Amino acid sequence: VQDRVVVRISDTGTGIDADTLGKIFDPFFTTKGGSNSGLGLSTVYGIIKQHQGEISVESKEGKGTTFWLRFPIDKSVSSPPPSATATNPSTTARILVVDDEAMICDIVEEALSSYGHRVRKAYSGYEGINCFQEEPFDLVLTDLSMSEINGYAVTRRIKALNPAVPVVLMTGWGESIDQTEARAQGIDYILSKPFNVSDLVLLVETMLVKPHQN
């Protein structure tokens, strides 16, 4: 296909029945019980649509599942503009990353560590709070939707322990979040997922050198 990039992801698992297949992208739909948010695939759907892409799924019970992702090619872009390139940060920091998706934690750690920052990862809200109690941090990045307690609860606890530490909320629902409510919860900045490394590094430097507003 000349004008699209097509990605196919397949497994050989148990497959998905026809009734469930028609609901998997619905917000809050889950087959895994009350401890799960049901936002995973609906978030994926929303992110892909934001990039003018398409996602579809095929599945047969007992024979596995295949997801198809299709994205348009932007032929007008040959290389990123200079302003999108991360520069070497003027300061390094101790940063706590809280996200129940290990992949997100790993990506953020790799990106920020390569610029000299010291990163500690926490895979749940409670773990993040414990980490913050154990050692000092200059900045906290936390996911919003997590099991047990969400990013707002983590932020409130962190601000109670040290109100001077800025907190960045990482979320795929950034555009739908009420900014006033986020501020009231203690959030200093909202970083919408998906984000690129350049934006992440530049945001971290900005948060470290400018006074936050709480």
C-alpha atoms as a PDB file:
ATOM      1  CA  VAL A   1       0.000   0.000   0.000  1.00  0.00           C
ATOM      2  CA  GLN A   2       1.601   3.249  -1.155  1.00  0.00           C
ATOM      3  CA  ASP A   3      -0.238   5.760   1.022  1.00  0.00           C
ATOM      4  CA  ARG A   4      -0.544   3.771   4.252  1.00  0.00           C
ATOM      5  CA  VAL A   5       1.531   1.893   6.787  1.00  0.00           C
ATOM      6  CA  VAL A   6      -0.108  -1.374   7.809  1.00  0.00           C
ATOM      7  CA  VAL A   7       0.807  -3.273  10.977  1.00  0.00           C
ATOM      8  CA  ARG A   8      -0.515  -6.752  11.741  1.00  0.00           C
ATOM      9  CA  ILE A   9      -0.278  -8.236  15.247  1.00  0.00           C
ATOM     10  CA  SER A  10      -1.354 -11.860  15.724  1.00  0.00           C
ATOM     11  CA  ASP A  11      -1.384 -14.435  18.492  1.00  0.00           C
ATOM     12  CA  THR A  12      -2.258 -18.123  18.714  1.00  0.00           C
ATOM     13  CA  GLY A  13      -4.351 -17.895  21.867  1.00  0.00           C
ATOM     14  CA  THR A  14      -7.900 -18.965  22.651  1.00  0.00           C
ATOM     15  CA  GLY A  15      -9.491 -16.318  20.459  1.00  0.00           C
ATOM     16  CA  ILE A  16     -12.468 -14.057  21.151  1.00  0.00           C
ATOM     17  CA  ASP A  17     -16.109 -15.021  20.780  1.00  0.00           C
ATOM     18  CA  ALA A  18     -18.294 -13.036  18.366  1.00  0.00           C
ATOM     19  CA  ASP A  19     -20.340 -11.295  21.065  1.00  0.00           C
ATOM     20  CA  THR A  20     -17.257 -10.052  22.935  1.00  0.00           C
ATOM     21  CA  LEU A  21     -15.486  -9.087  19.722  1.00  0.00           C
ATOM     22  CA  GLY A  22     -18.020  -6.372  19.021  1.00  0.00           C
ATOM     23  CA  LYS A  23     -17.464  -4.741  22.413  1.00  0.00           C
ATOM     24  CA  ILE A  24     -13.695  -4.824  22.983  1.00  0.00           C
ATOM     25  CA  PHE A  25     -13.167  -1.153  22.021  1.00  0.00           C
ATOM     26  CA  ASP A  26     -16.033   0.091  24.208  1.00  0.00           C
ATOM     27  CA  PRO A  27     -14.913   2.210  27.209  1.00  0.00           C
ATOM     28  CA  PHE A  28     -15.111   0.336  30.531  1.00  0.00           C
ATOM     29  CA  PHE A  29     -15.871  -3.025  28.890  1.00  0.00           C
ATOM     30  CA  THR A  30     -13.771  -5.776  30.441  1.00  0.00           C
ATOM     31  CA  THR A  31     -13.871  -9.548  30.791  1.00  0.00           C
ATOM     32  CA  LYS A  32     -11.344  -9.535  33.652  1.00  0.00           C
ATOM     33  CA  GLY A  33     -13.481  -8.509  36.596  1.00  0.00           C
ATOM     34  CA  GLY A  34     -13.939  -5.378  38.663  1.00  0.00           C
ATOM     35  CA  SER A  35     -10.235  -4.801  39.344  1.00  0.00           C
ATOM     36  CA  ASN A  36      -9.678  -3.787  35.724  1.00  0.00           C
ATOM     37  CA  SER A  37     -10.714  -0.442  34.251  1.00  0.00           C
ATOM     38  CA  GLY A  38     -11.758  -1.633  30.791  1.00  0.00           C
ATOM     39  CA  LEU A  39      -9.972   1.380  29.307  1.00  0.00           C
ATOM     40  CA  GLY A  40      -7.002  -0.348  27.656  1.00  0.00           C
ATOM     41  CA  LEU A  41      -8.332  -1.045  24.166  1.00  0.00           C
ATOM     42  CA  SER A  42     -10.606   1.995  24.154  1.00  0.00           C
ATOM     43  CA  THR A  43      -7.524   4.125  24.850  1.00  0.00           C
ATOM     44  CA  VAL A  44      -5.674   2.402  22.003  1.00  0.00           C
ATOM     45  CA  TYR A  45      -8.643   3.077  19.726  1.00  0.00           C
ATOM     46  CA  GLY A  46      -8.686   6.751  20.705  1.00  0.00           C
ATOM     47  CA  ILE A  47      -4.942   7.210  20.171  1.00  0.00           C
ATOM     48  CA  ILE A  48      -5.055   5.611  16.740  1.00  0.00           C
ATOM     49  CA  LYS A  49      -8.018   7.770  15.711  1.00  0.00           C
ATOM     50  CA  GLN A  50      -6.146  10.881  16.877  1.00  0.00           C
ATOM     51  CA  HIS A  51      -3.457   9.974  14.343  1.00  0.00           C
ATOM     52  CA  GLN A  52      -6.037   9.505  11.563  1.00  0.00           C
ATOM     53  CA  GLY A  53      -5.497   5.760  11.704  1.00  0.00           C
ATOM     54  CA  GLU A  54      -7.741   2.719  11.757  1.00  0.00           C
ATOM     55  CA  ILE A  55      -7.797  -0.424  13.880  1.00  0.00           C
ATOM     56  CA  SER A  56      -9.696  -3.627  13.213  1.00  0.00           C
ATOM     57  CA  VAL A  57      -9.674  -7.110  14.661  1.00  0.00           C
ATOM     58  CA  GLU A  58     -10.298 -10.640  13.431  1.00  0.00           C
ATOM     59  CA  SER A  59     -10.609 -13.640  15.713  1.00  0.00           C
ATOM     60  CA  LYS A  60     -11.693 -17.256  15.750  1.00  0.00           C
ATOM     61  CA  GLU A  61     -12.244 -19.170  18.949  1.00  0.00           C
ATOM     62  CA  GLY A  62      -9.445 -21.636  19.498  1.00  0.00           C
ATOM     63  CA  LYS A  63      -7.340 -20.180  16.667  1.00  0.00           C
ATOM     64  CA  GLY A  64      -6.122 -16.818  17.949  1.00  0.00           C
ATOM     65  CA  THR A  65      -6.634 -13.136  17.211  1.00  0.00           C
ATOM     66  CA  THR A  66      -5.236 -10.656  14.702  1.00  0.00           C
ATOM     67  CA  PHE A  67      -5.250  -6.867  15.050  1.00  0.00           C
ATOM     68  CA  TRP A  68      -4.774  -4.664  11.969  1.00  0.00           C
ATOM     69  CA  LEU A  69      -3.462  -1.113  12.397  1.00  0.00           C
ATOM     70  CA  ARG A  70      -3.446   1.249   9.417  1.00  0.00           C
ATOM     71  CA  PHE A  71      -1.879   4.712   9.404  1.00  0.00           C
ATOM     72  CA  PRO A  72      -1.670   7.302   6.624  1.00  0.00           C
ATOM     73  CA  ILE A  73       1.800   8.319   5.462  1.00  0.00           C
ATOM     74  CA  ASP A  74       2.561  12.022   5.843  1.00  0.00           C
ATOM     75  CA  LYS A  75       4.652  12.606   2.740  1.00  0.00           C
ATOM     76  CA  SER A  76       5.176  16.256   3.605  1.00  0.00           C
ATOM     77  CA  VAL A  77       7.454  15.374   6.535  1.00  0.00           C
ATOM     78  CA  SER A  78      10.957  14.189   5.713  1.00  0.00           C
ATOM     79  CA  SER A  79      12.678  14.961   9.028  1.00  0.00           C
ATOM     80  CA  PRO A  80      11.707  16.532  12.338  1.00  0.00           C
ATOM     81  CA  PRO A  81      12.134  20.302  12.592  1.00  0.00           C
ATOM     82  CA  PRO A  82      14.975  21.586  14.784  1.00  0.00           C
ATOM     83  CA  SER A  83      12.538  22.747  17.475  1.00  0.00           C
ATOM     84  CA  ALA A  84      11.336  19.154  17.952  1.00  0.00           C
ATOM     85  CA  THR A  85      14.814  17.872  18.792  1.00  0.00           C
ATOM     86  CA  ALA A  86      15.582  17.493  22.468  1.00  0.00           C
ATOM     87  CA  THR A  87      18.631  19.361  23.682  1.00  0.00           C
ATOM     88  CA  ASN A  88      20.889  18.422  26.557  1.00  0.00           C
ATOM     89  CA  PRO A  89      19.046  19.406  29.738  1.00  0.00           C
ATOM     90  CA  SER A  90      20.656  22.193  31.751  1.00  0.00           C
ATOM     91  CA  THR A  91      20.151  20.253  34.974  1.00  0.00           C
ATOM     92  CA  THR A  92      19.768  16.632  36.018  1.00  0.00           C
ATOM     93  CA  ALA A  93      17.296  15.370  38.568  1.00  0.00           C
ATOM     94  CA  ARG A  94      15.928  12.503  40.616  1.00  0.00           C
ATOM     95  CA  ILE A  95      12.654  11.493  38.992  1.00  0.00           C
ATOM     96  CA  LEU A  96       9.956   9.076  40.131  1.00  0.00           C
ATOM     97  CA  VAL A  97       7.853   7.432  37.421  1.00  0.00           C
ATOM     98  CA  VAL A  98       4.592   5.766  38.510  1.00  0.00           C
ATOM     99  CA  ASP A  99       2.703   3.652  35.964  1.00  0.00           C
ATOM    100  CA  ASP A 100       1.194   0.175  36.154  1.00  0.00           C
ATOM    101  CA  GLU A 101       2.280  -0.450  32.556  1.00  0.00           C
ATOM    102  CA  ALA A 102       5.881  -1.640  32.780  1.00  0.00           C
ATOM    103  CA  MET A 103       6.519  -0.700  29.166  1.00  0.00           C
ATOM    104  CA  ILE A 104       5.704   2.964  29.843  1.00  0.00           C
ATOM    105  CA  CYS A 105       7.993   3.000  32.885  1.00  0.00           C
ATOM    106  CA  ASP A 106      10.806   1.443  30.852  1.00  0.00           C
ATOM    107  CA  ILE A 107      10.411   3.913  27.972  1.00  0.00           C
ATOM    108  CA  VAL A 108      10.431   6.922  30.293  1.00  0.00           C
ATOM    109  CA  GLU A 109      13.399   5.577  32.263  1.00  0.00           C
ATOM    110  CA  GLU A 110      15.436   4.906  29.139  1.00  0.00           C
ATOM    111  CA  ALA A 111      14.651   8.330  27.675  1.00  0.00           C
ATOM    112  CA  LEU A 112      15.402  10.344  30.808  1.00  0.00           C
ATOM    113  CA  SER A 113      18.391   8.287  31.934  1.00  0.00           C
ATOM    114  CA  SER A 114      20.060   8.927  28.595  1.00  0.00           C
ATOM    115  CA  TYR A 115      20.020  12.639  29.499  1.00  0.00           C
ATOM    116  CA  GLY A 116      21.604  12.100  32.888  1.00  0.00           C
ATOM    117  CA  HIS A 117      18.508  11.949  35.066  1.00  0.00           C
ATOM    118  CA  ARG A 118      18.234   9.352  37.822  1.00  0.00           C
ATOM    119  CA  VAL A 119      14.935   7.517  37.445  1.00  0.00           C
ATOM    120  CA  ARG A 120      13.153   5.204  39.838  1.00  0.00           C
ATOM    121  CA  LYS A 121      10.175   3.198  38.601  1.00  0.00           C
ATOM    122  CA  ALA A 122       7.047   2.269  40.552  1.00  0.00           C
ATOM    123  CA  TYR A 123       4.467  -0.094  39.071  1.00  0.00           C
ATOM    124  CA  SER A 124       1.488   0.928  41.228  1.00  0.00           C
ATOM    125  CA  GLY A 125       0.207   3.960  43.064  1.00  0.00           C
ATOM    126  CA  TYR A 126       1.003   2.529  46.487  1.00  0.00           C
ATOM    127  CA  GLU A 127       4.506   1.560  45.389  1.00  0.00           C
ATOM    128  CA  GLY A 128       5.026   5.086  44.115  1.00  0.00           C
ATOM    129  CA  ILE A 129       3.983   6.592  47.448  1.00  0.00           C
ATOM    130  CA  ASN A 130       6.330   4.215  49.291  1.00  0.00           C
ATOM    131  CA  CYS A 131       9.200   5.193  46.998  1.00  0.00           C
ATOM    132  CA  PHE A 132       8.521   8.867  47.661  1.00  0.00           C
ATOM    133  CA  GLN A 133       8.608   8.233  51.410  1.00  0.00           C
ATOM    134  CA  GLU A 134      11.910   6.379  51.142  1.00  0.00           C
ATOM    135  CA  GLU A 135      13.960   8.971  49.259  1.00  0.00           C
ATOM    136  CA  PRO A 136      13.706  12.541  47.935  1.00  0.00           C
ATOM    137  CA  PHE A 137      12.714  13.308  44.335  1.00  0.00           C
ATOM    138  CA  ASP A 138      12.794  16.474  42.281  1.00  0.00           C
ATOM    139  CA  LEU A 139       9.897  15.509  40.012  1.00  0.00           C
ATOM    140  CA  VAL A 140       7.137  12.894  39.831  1.00  0.00           C
ATOM    141  CA  LEU A 141       5.460  11.587  36.673  1.00  0.00           C
ATOM    142  CA  THR A 142       2.370   9.494  37.321  1.00  0.00           C
ATOM    143  CA  ASP A 143      -0.227   7.734  35.209  1.00  0.00           C
ATOM    144  CA  LEU A 144      -3.883   8.560  35.875  1.00  0.00           C
ATOM    145  CA  SER A 145      -5.733   5.254  35.405  1.00  0.00           C
ATOM    146  CA  MET A 146      -4.199   2.601  37.674  1.00  0.00           C
ATOM    147  CA  SER A 147      -5.676  -0.207  39.735  1.00  0.00           C
ATOM    148  CA  GLU A 148      -6.063   0.221  43.500  1.00  0.00           C
ATOM    149  CA  ILE A 149      -5.495   4.006  43.544  1.00  0.00           C
ATOM    150  CA  ASN A 150      -5.303   6.428  40.645  1.00  0.00           C
ATOM    151  CA  GLY A 151      -2.895   9.222  39.796  1.00  0.00           C
ATOM    152  CA  TYR A 152      -4.951  11.861  41.588  1.00  0.00           C
ATOM    153  CA  ALA A 153      -4.707   9.940  44.872  1.00  0.00           C
ATOM    154  CA  VAL A 154      -0.966   9.479  44.367  1.00  0.00           C
ATOM    155  CA  THR A 155      -0.576  13.206  43.716  1.00  0.00           C
ATOM    156  CA  ARG A 156      -2.526  14.223  46.812  1.00  0.00           C
ATOM    157  CA  ARG A 157      -0.351  12.001  49.001  1.00  0.00           C
ATOM    158  CA  ILE A 158       2.874  13.272  47.418  1.00  0.00           C
ATOM    159  CA  LYS A 159       1.806  16.900  47.837  1.00  0.00           C
ATOM    160  CA  ALA A 160       0.959  16.207  51.484  1.00  0.00           C
ATOM    161  CA  LEU A 161       4.481  14.887  51.986  1.00  0.00           C
ATOM    162  CA  ASN A 162       6.215  17.631  49.979  1.00  0.00           C
ATOM    163  CA  PRO A 163       4.110  20.289  48.244  1.00  0.00           C
ATOM    164  CA  ALA A 164       7.185  21.756  46.544  1.00  0.00           C
ATOM    165  CA  VAL A 165       7.732  18.735  44.283  1.00  0.00           C
ATOM    166  CA  PRO A 166       6.039  19.187  40.877  1.00  0.00           C
ATOM    167  CA  VAL A 167       3.827  16.363  39.597  1.00  0.00           C
ATOM    168  CA  VAL A 168       3.148  15.609  35.921  1.00  0.00           C
ATOM    169  CA  LEU A 169       0.062  13.552  35.056  1.00  0.00           C
ATOM    170  CA  MET A 170       0.616  11.160  32.122  1.00  0.00           C
ATOM    171  CA  THR A 171      -2.660  10.115  30.509  1.00  0.00           C
ATOM    172  CA  GLY A 172      -4.292   9.181  27.240  1.00  0.00           C
ATOM    173  CA  TRP A 173      -7.321  11.234  28.291  1.00  0.00           C
ATOM    174  CA  GLY A 174      -5.502  14.569  28.489  1.00  0.00           C
ATOM    175  CA  GLU A 175      -7.900  16.478  26.235  1.00  0.00           C
ATOM    176  CA  SER A 176     -10.953  15.471  28.283  1.00  0.00           C
ATOM    177  CA  ILE A 177      -9.529  16.314  31.711  1.00  0.00           C
ATOM    178  CA  ASP A 178     -10.773  19.453  33.414  1.00  0.00           C
ATOM    179  CA  GLN A 179      -7.688  21.623  33.960  1.00  0.00           C
ATOM    180  CA  THR A 180      -9.192  23.330  37.010  1.00  0.00           C
ATOM    181  CA  GLU A 181      -9.969  20.006  38.643  1.00  0.00           C
ATOM    182  CA  ALA A 182      -6.473  18.716  37.861  1.00  0.00           C
ATOM    183  CA  ARG A 183      -4.952  21.783  39.522  1.00  0.00           C
ATOM    184  CA  ALA A 184      -7.183  21.242  42.543  1.00  0.00           C
ATOM    185  CA  GLN A 185      -5.846  17.696  42.799  1.00  0.00           C
ATOM    186  CA  GLY A 186      -2.272  19.013  42.858  1.00  0.00           C
ATOM    187  CA  ILE A 187      -1.320  18.354  39.234  1.00  0.00           C
ATOM    188  CA  ASP A 188       1.217  20.821  37.820  1.00  0.00           C
ATOM    189  CA  TYR A 189       1.127  19.676  34.184  1.00  0.00           C
ATOM    190  CA  ILE A 190      -0.731  17.153  32.018  1.00  0.00           C
ATOM    191  CA  LEU A 191       1.320  15.167  29.494  1.00  0.00           C
ATOM    192  CA  SER A 192      -0.963  13.504  26.963  1.00  0.00           C
ATOM    193  CA  LYS A 193      -0.140   9.994  25.774  1.00  0.00           C
ATOM    194  CA  PRO A 194       1.267   9.147  23.337  1.00  0.00           C
ATOM    195  CA  PHE A 195       4.192  11.536  23.716  1.00  0.00           C
ATOM    196  CA  ASN A 196       7.569  11.560  22.007  1.00  0.00           C
ATOM    197  CA  VAL A 197      10.947  11.557  23.735  1.00  0.00           C
ATOM    198  CA  SER A 198      11.739  15.130  22.705  1.00  0.00           C
ATOM    199  CA  ASP A 199       8.548  16.471  24.286  1.00  0.00           C
ATOM    200  CA  LEU A 200       9.165  14.434  27.444  1.00  0.00           C
ATOM    201  CA  VAL A 201      12.754  15.620  27.907  1.00  0.00           C
ATOM    202  CA  LEU A 202      11.909  19.260  27.220  1.00  0.00           C
ATOM    203  CA  LEU A 203       8.946  19.123  29.593  1.00  0.00           C
ATOM    204  CA  VAL A 204      11.097  17.671  32.369  1.00  0.00           C
ATOM    205  CA  GLU A 205      13.673  20.416  31.945  1.00  0.00           C
ATOM    206  CA  THR A 206      10.941  23.071  31.968  1.00  0.00           C
ATOM    207  CA  MET A 207       9.364  21.673  35.133  1.00  0.00           C
ATOM    208  CA  LEU A 208      12.748  21.633  36.871  1.00  0.00           C
ATOM    209  CA  VAL A 209      13.732  25.207  36.097  1.00  0.00           C
ATOM    210  CA  LYS A 210      10.400  27.098  36.408  1.00  0.00           C
ATOM    211  CA  PRO A 211       8.353  27.491  39.594  1.00  0.00           C
ATOM    212  CA  HIS A 212       5.199  25.369  39.568  1.00  0.00           C
ATOM    213  CA  GLN A 213       1.845  26.911  40.272  1.00  0.00           C
ATOM    214  CA  ASN A 214       0.591  25.012  43.315  1.00  0.00           C
END
